[in-house]
Amino acid sequence: MTEELLHALTRLETWMRQYMKSWYNEAEDIQQAIRMKEEHTARVRGYARELSEHLGLTGDDVVRAEIMGLLHDVGRFRQFTVYRTFNDAQSEDHAALGLKTIAAEGLISNLPEKDRELIKFAIWNHNKKEIEAAPDKTSLMYAKILRDADKLDIYHVLEPFLHPSDGSGVSPDFVDRFVAGEQCDYTMIRTMDDRKLVRLMWVYDINYAWTMQRVLERGYVDKIVSCLPKGSAGIDEGVRKLRLYVKEKCASVDKAE
């Protein structure tokens, strides 16, 4: 492991801790949101490290994954304080906000260009509907690692807000996409039940068996399914297909690209 990258991780950890605390606020809603993202950041960093080690990465490769996990949501703190929402469509893309902060603060400017580009690509793509065309296999691998680490913890973060159907129902086009195993555009969400189905469809965007196994063992799939509207043939078919997909994914063998 190079001293340069390890020193960068230590420096960024110190900076990030101070930066997150700088957004602490007497307004209760803001403070709760900041603390939630502070804790989310720590867990995503840990998951990124664990997943990269599971894939057989070592040394600098693991440190890069940690740095990505540490910095991936740096834009969230300004976003919620300014807009009082984590909804990108109603405010700003938080990945773009984060990259602006990273650039303005020169956080990774002293790293080799290869490391800078890998980190920026992963952070930019961590919240998109899908990963854009990657310049190389390594960039794609890191983007997948970060997206998996992030999704795994988002399931945890959102679990307390999961409730039985409020009767609003799921939009028909969402059901069609669910049965087809496709992702939905967040801007298309119209009901609370739509939101739950979108969360369930994230399963199809999980890249590694390691992540899927943890999603399954923690009961996230079952909990969401139990809160969906009952009696819909489309949803029942989608759930059947999804459970089969989860089983197959969990049984697959992970490989680093």
Protein backbone atom coordinates (compact mmCIF):
# COMPACT_ATOMS: atom_id res chain seq x y z
CA MET A 1 0.00 0.00 0.00
CA THR A 2 1.40 3.38 -0.96
CA GLU A 3 1.87 5.90 1.81
CA GLU A 4 0.33 8.58 -0.43
CA LEU A 5 -3.09 6.97 -0.65
CA LEU A 6 -3.17 5.87 2.97
CA HIS A 7 -2.25 9.39 4.09
CA ALA A 8 -5.03 10.75 1.83
CA LEU A 9 -7.59 8.49 3.52
CA THR A 10 -6.51 9.67 6.97
CA ARG A 11 -6.60 13.31 5.88
CA LEU A 12 -10.01 12.94 4.23
CA GLU A 13 -11.43 11.16 7.26
CA THR A 14 -10.42 14.11 9.45
CA TRP A 15 -11.76 16.63 6.96
CA MET A 16 -15.05 14.79 6.52
CA ARG A 17 -15.62 14.51 10.26
CA GLN A 18 -15.14 18.27 10.67
CA TYR A 19 -17.20 19.06 7.57
CA MET A 20 -20.19 17.03 8.70
CA LYS A 21 -20.12 18.63 12.14
CA SER A 22 -19.97 22.07 10.55
CA TRP A 23 -23.53 21.47 9.33
CA TYR A 24 -24.94 20.72 12.78
CA ASN A 25 -27.99 22.88 13.30
CA GLU A 26 -30.32 23.93 16.12
CA ALA A 27 -33.29 23.20 13.86
CA GLU A 28 -34.33 19.69 14.84
CA ASP A 29 -35.26 18.50 11.34
CA ILE A 30 -31.93 19.60 9.90
CA GLN A 31 -29.92 18.14 12.77
CA GLN A 32 -31.65 14.76 12.48
CA ALA A 33 -31.01 14.67 8.75
CA ILE A 34 -27.34 15.61 9.16
CA ARG A 35 -26.79 12.97 11.84
CA MET A 36 -28.55 10.37 9.69
CA LYS A 37 -26.22 11.08 6.77
CA GLU A 38 -23.23 11.16 9.08
CA GLU A 39 -24.03 7.63 10.25
CA HIS A 40 -24.87 6.52 6.70
CA THR A 41 -21.47 7.74 5.52
CA ALA A 42 -19.66 5.64 8.11
CA ARG A 43 -21.60 2.49 7.25
CA VAL A 44 -21.21 2.90 3.47
CA ARG A 45 -17.48 3.37 3.91
CA GLY A 46 -17.37 0.15 5.93
CA TYR A 47 -19.46 -1.78 3.42
CA ALA A 48 -17.28 -0.56 0.55
CA ARG A 49 -14.21 -1.84 2.38
CA GLU A 50 -15.82 -5.19 3.22
CA LEU A 51 -17.11 -5.74 -0.31
CA SER A 52 -13.80 -4.82 -1.93
CA GLU A 53 -11.97 -7.23 0.38
CA HIS A 54 -14.53 -9.93 -0.41
CA LEU A 55 -13.73 -9.42 -4.10
CA GLY A 56 -10.07 -10.09 -3.35
CA LEU A 57 -8.86 -6.52 -3.59
CA THR A 58 -5.98 -5.48 -1.37
CA GLY A 59 -3.86 -2.48 -0.44
CA ASP A 60 -4.50 0.65 -2.48
CA ASP A 61 -7.55 -0.90 -4.15
CA VAL A 62 -9.34 -1.22 -0.81
CA VAL A 63 -8.30 2.29 0.24
CA ARG A 64 -9.80 3.72 -2.97
CA ALA A 65 -13.10 2.01 -2.17
CA GLU A 66 -13.03 3.48 1.34
CA ILE A 67 -12.38 6.97 0.01
CA MET A 68 -15.33 6.65 -2.36
CA GLY A 69 -17.58 5.50 0.46
CA LEU A 70 -16.37 8.31 2.69
CA LEU A 71 -16.98 11.06 0.13
CA HIS A 72 -19.95 9.72 -1.84
CA ASP A 73 -22.63 11.77 -0.01
CA VAL A 74 -20.67 14.91 0.78
CA GLY A 75 -23.24 16.85 -1.26
CA ARG A 76 -26.13 15.74 0.97
CA PHE A 77 -25.25 18.08 3.83
CA ARG A 78 -25.57 21.28 1.84
CA GLN A 79 -28.54 19.85 -0.05
CA PHE A 80 -30.73 19.25 2.99
CA THR A 81 -29.70 22.41 4.82
CA VAL A 82 -30.53 24.59 1.81
CA TYR A 83 -33.54 22.76 0.37
CA ARG A 84 -34.88 20.77 3.36
CA THR A 85 -35.11 17.67 1.18
CA PHE A 86 -33.00 14.75 -0.02
CA ASN A 87 -35.04 14.60 -3.23
CA ASP A 88 -32.66 15.45 -6.06
CA ALA A 89 -35.53 16.24 -8.44
CA GLN A 90 -36.78 18.91 -6.04
CA SER A 91 -33.35 20.38 -5.31
CA GLU A 92 -30.03 19.48 -6.95
CA ASP A 93 -28.31 16.26 -7.92
CA HIS A 94 -26.41 15.46 -4.72
CA ALA A 95 -23.61 13.65 -6.57
CA ALA A 96 -22.99 16.79 -8.63
CA LEU A 97 -23.11 18.91 -5.48
CA GLY A 98 -20.61 16.59 -3.84
CA LEU A 99 -18.18 16.72 -6.74
CA LYS A 100 -18.35 20.53 -6.68
CA THR A 101 -17.38 20.49 -3.01
CA ILE A 102 -14.61 17.97 -3.63
CA ALA A 103 -13.21 20.20 -6.38
CA ALA A 104 -13.61 23.46 -4.46
CA GLU A 105 -11.85 22.05 -1.41
CA GLY A 106 -9.15 20.34 -3.46
CA LEU A 107 -9.83 17.14 -1.53
CA ILE A 108 -8.31 14.74 -4.03
CA SER A 109 -6.22 17.17 -6.08
CA ASN A 110 -2.96 15.77 -4.76
CA LEU A 111 -3.78 12.20 -5.80
CA PRO A 112 -2.57 10.67 -9.07
CA GLU A 113 -4.88 11.36 -12.00
CA LYS A 114 -5.91 7.69 -12.22
CA ASP A 115 -7.16 7.73 -8.61
CA ARG A 116 -8.94 11.06 -9.07
CA GLU A 117 -10.82 9.82 -12.13
CA LEU A 118 -11.82 6.53 -10.49
CA ILE A 119 -13.17 8.34 -7.42
CA LYS A 120 -15.06 10.95 -9.41
CA PHE A 121 -16.61 8.38 -11.76
CA ALA A 122 -17.87 6.24 -8.88
CA ILE A 123 -19.31 9.19 -6.95
CA TRP A 124 -20.99 10.68 -10.02
CA ASN A 125 -22.66 7.35 -10.81
CA HIS A 126 -23.60 6.21 -7.31
CA ASN A 127 -27.09 7.77 -7.44
CA LYS A 128 -27.97 7.49 -11.13
CA LYS A 129 -30.63 5.18 -12.54
CA GLU A 130 -27.83 3.19 -14.14
CA ILE A 131 -24.07 3.46 -14.54
CA GLU A 132 -23.07 5.45 -17.60
CA ALA A 133 -20.59 4.00 -20.11
CA ALA A 134 -17.40 3.42 -18.14
CA PRO A 135 -13.99 4.28 -19.60
CA ASP A 136 -12.55 0.97 -18.37
CA LYS A 137 -13.31 -2.15 -16.33
CA THR A 138 -11.74 -0.76 -13.16
CA SER A 139 -13.97 2.32 -13.20
CA LEU A 140 -17.02 0.10 -13.68
CA MET A 141 -15.99 -2.17 -10.80
CA TYR A 142 -15.61 0.69 -8.34
CA ALA A 143 -18.92 2.22 -9.43
CA LYS A 144 -20.59 -1.13 -8.78
CA ILE A 145 -18.95 -1.48 -5.38
CA LEU A 146 -20.08 1.98 -4.28
CA ARG A 147 -23.62 1.55 -5.60
CA ASP A 148 -23.96 -1.76 -3.76
CA ALA A 149 -22.57 -0.38 -0.50
CA ASP A 150 -24.90 2.61 -0.74
CA LYS A 151 -28.02 0.59 -1.54
CA LEU A 152 -27.36 -1.89 1.23
CA ASP A 153 -27.40 0.90 3.79
CA ILE A 154 -30.27 2.81 2.22
CA TYR A 155 -32.45 -0.25 2.83
CA HIS A 156 -31.46 0.07 6.50
CA VAL A 157 -31.99 3.84 6.64
CA LEU A 158 -35.45 3.68 5.06
CA GLU A 159 -36.71 0.67 7.00
CA PRO A 160 -38.21 2.72 9.89
CA PHE A 161 -40.28 4.69 7.36
CA LEU A 162 -41.84 1.56 5.84
CA HIS A 163 -45.57 1.21 6.53
CA PRO A 164 -48.49 -0.87 5.20
CA SER A 165 -50.24 0.37 2.08
CA ASP A 166 -52.15 3.61 2.59
CA GLY A 167 -54.54 2.62 -0.17
CA SER A 168 -52.98 4.89 -2.76
CA GLY A 169 -52.02 1.87 -4.86
CA VAL A 170 -49.24 1.30 -7.37
CA SER A 171 -49.28 3.07 -10.74
CA PRO A 172 -49.96 0.57 -13.58
CA ASP A 173 -46.76 1.45 -15.45
CA PHE A 174 -44.77 0.73 -12.29
CA VAL A 175 -46.35 -2.71 -12.03
CA ASP A 176 -45.47 -3.41 -15.67
CA ARG A 177 -41.86 -2.46 -15.08
CA PHE A 178 -41.75 -4.50 -11.90
CA VAL A 179 -42.95 -7.63 -13.71
CA ALA A 180 -40.36 -6.96 -16.42
CA GLY A 181 -37.59 -6.58 -13.83
CA GLU A 182 -36.79 -3.03 -14.87
CA GLN A 183 -35.86 0.10 -12.94
CA CYS A 184 -38.16 3.13 -12.70
CA ASP A 185 -37.37 6.79 -12.95
CA TYR A 186 -37.80 8.40 -9.50
CA THR A 187 -39.51 11.38 -11.10
CA MET A 188 -42.36 9.04 -12.12
CA ILE A 189 -43.29 8.27 -8.50
CA ARG A 190 -46.88 9.33 -7.80
CA THR A 191 -47.93 7.38 -4.69
CA MET A 192 -46.41 6.03 -1.49
CA ASP A 193 -46.91 2.50 -2.83
CA ASP A 194 -44.97 3.49 -5.98
CA ARG A 195 -42.11 4.48 -3.72
CA LYS A 196 -42.08 1.06 -2.04
CA LEU A 197 -42.09 -0.76 -5.36
CA VAL A 198 -39.17 1.35 -6.60
CA ARG A 199 -37.27 0.39 -3.47
CA LEU A 200 -38.00 -3.27 -4.13
CA MET A 201 -36.85 -2.96 -7.74
CA TRP A 202 -33.45 -1.79 -6.54
CA VAL A 203 -32.79 -5.50 -6.06
CA TYR A 204 -32.33 -5.79 -9.83
CA ASP A 205 -29.58 -3.18 -9.67
CA ILE A 206 -27.51 -5.00 -7.04
CA ASN A 207 -24.27 -6.13 -8.61
CA TYR A 208 -22.76 -8.66 -6.22
CA ALA A 209 -23.97 -11.80 -4.46
CA TRP A 210 -22.26 -10.54 -1.29
CA THR A 211 -24.64 -7.58 -1.20
CA MET A 212 -27.72 -9.56 -2.15
CA GLN A 213 -27.06 -12.10 0.59
CA ARG A 214 -27.06 -9.33 3.18
CA VAL A 215 -30.20 -7.76 1.78
CA LEU A 216 -31.91 -11.15 2.02
CA GLU A 217 -30.65 -12.16 5.46
CA ARG A 218 -31.70 -8.82 6.95
CA GLY A 219 -35.24 -9.33 5.68
CA TYR A 220 -35.46 -6.15 3.61
CA VAL A 221 -37.24 -7.84 0.70
CA ASP A 222 -39.86 -9.54 2.88
CA LYS A 223 -40.55 -6.35 4.82
CA ILE A 224 -41.22 -4.32 1.69
CA VAL A 225 -43.33 -7.04 0.10
CA SER A 226 -45.47 -7.24 3.25
CA CYS A 227 -46.30 -3.53 2.90
CA LEU A 228 -47.39 -3.62 -0.73
CA PRO A 229 -51.09 -3.59 -1.72
CA LYS A 230 -52.70 -7.03 -1.63
CA GLY A 231 -54.65 -8.79 -4.34
CA SER A 232 -52.79 -7.53 -7.41
CA ALA A 233 -51.96 -10.29 -9.88
CA GLY A 234 -49.26 -8.11 -11.43
CA ILE A 235 -47.54 -7.42 -8.14
CA ASP A 236 -47.78 -11.09 -7.13
CA GLU A 237 -46.14 -12.12 -10.40
CA GLY A 238 -43.45 -9.49 -9.97
CA VAL A 239 -42.71 -10.71 -6.45
CA ARG A 240 -42.47 -14.31 -7.66
CA LYS A 241 -39.96 -13.35 -10.35
CA LEU A 242 -38.03 -11.17 -7.95
CA ARG A 243 -37.66 -13.92 -5.34
CA LEU A 244 -36.36 -16.28 -8.03
CA TYR A 245 -33.87 -13.64 -9.17
CA VAL A 246 -32.69 -13.03 -5.59
CA LYS A 247 -32.15 -16.76 -5.05
CA GLU A 248 -30.11 -17.07 -8.25
CA LYS A 249 -28.07 -13.96 -7.49
CA CYS A 250 -27.25 -15.15 -3.97
CA ALA A 251 -25.97 -18.44 -5.41
CA SER A 252 -23.71 -16.76 -7.97
CA VAL A 253 -19.95 -16.31 -7.56
CA ASP A 254 -18.55 -12.80 -7.24
CA LYS A 255 -15.50 -11.78 -9.23
CA ALA A 256 -13.58 -8.53 -9.41
CA GLU A 257 -13.52 -7.15 -12.94
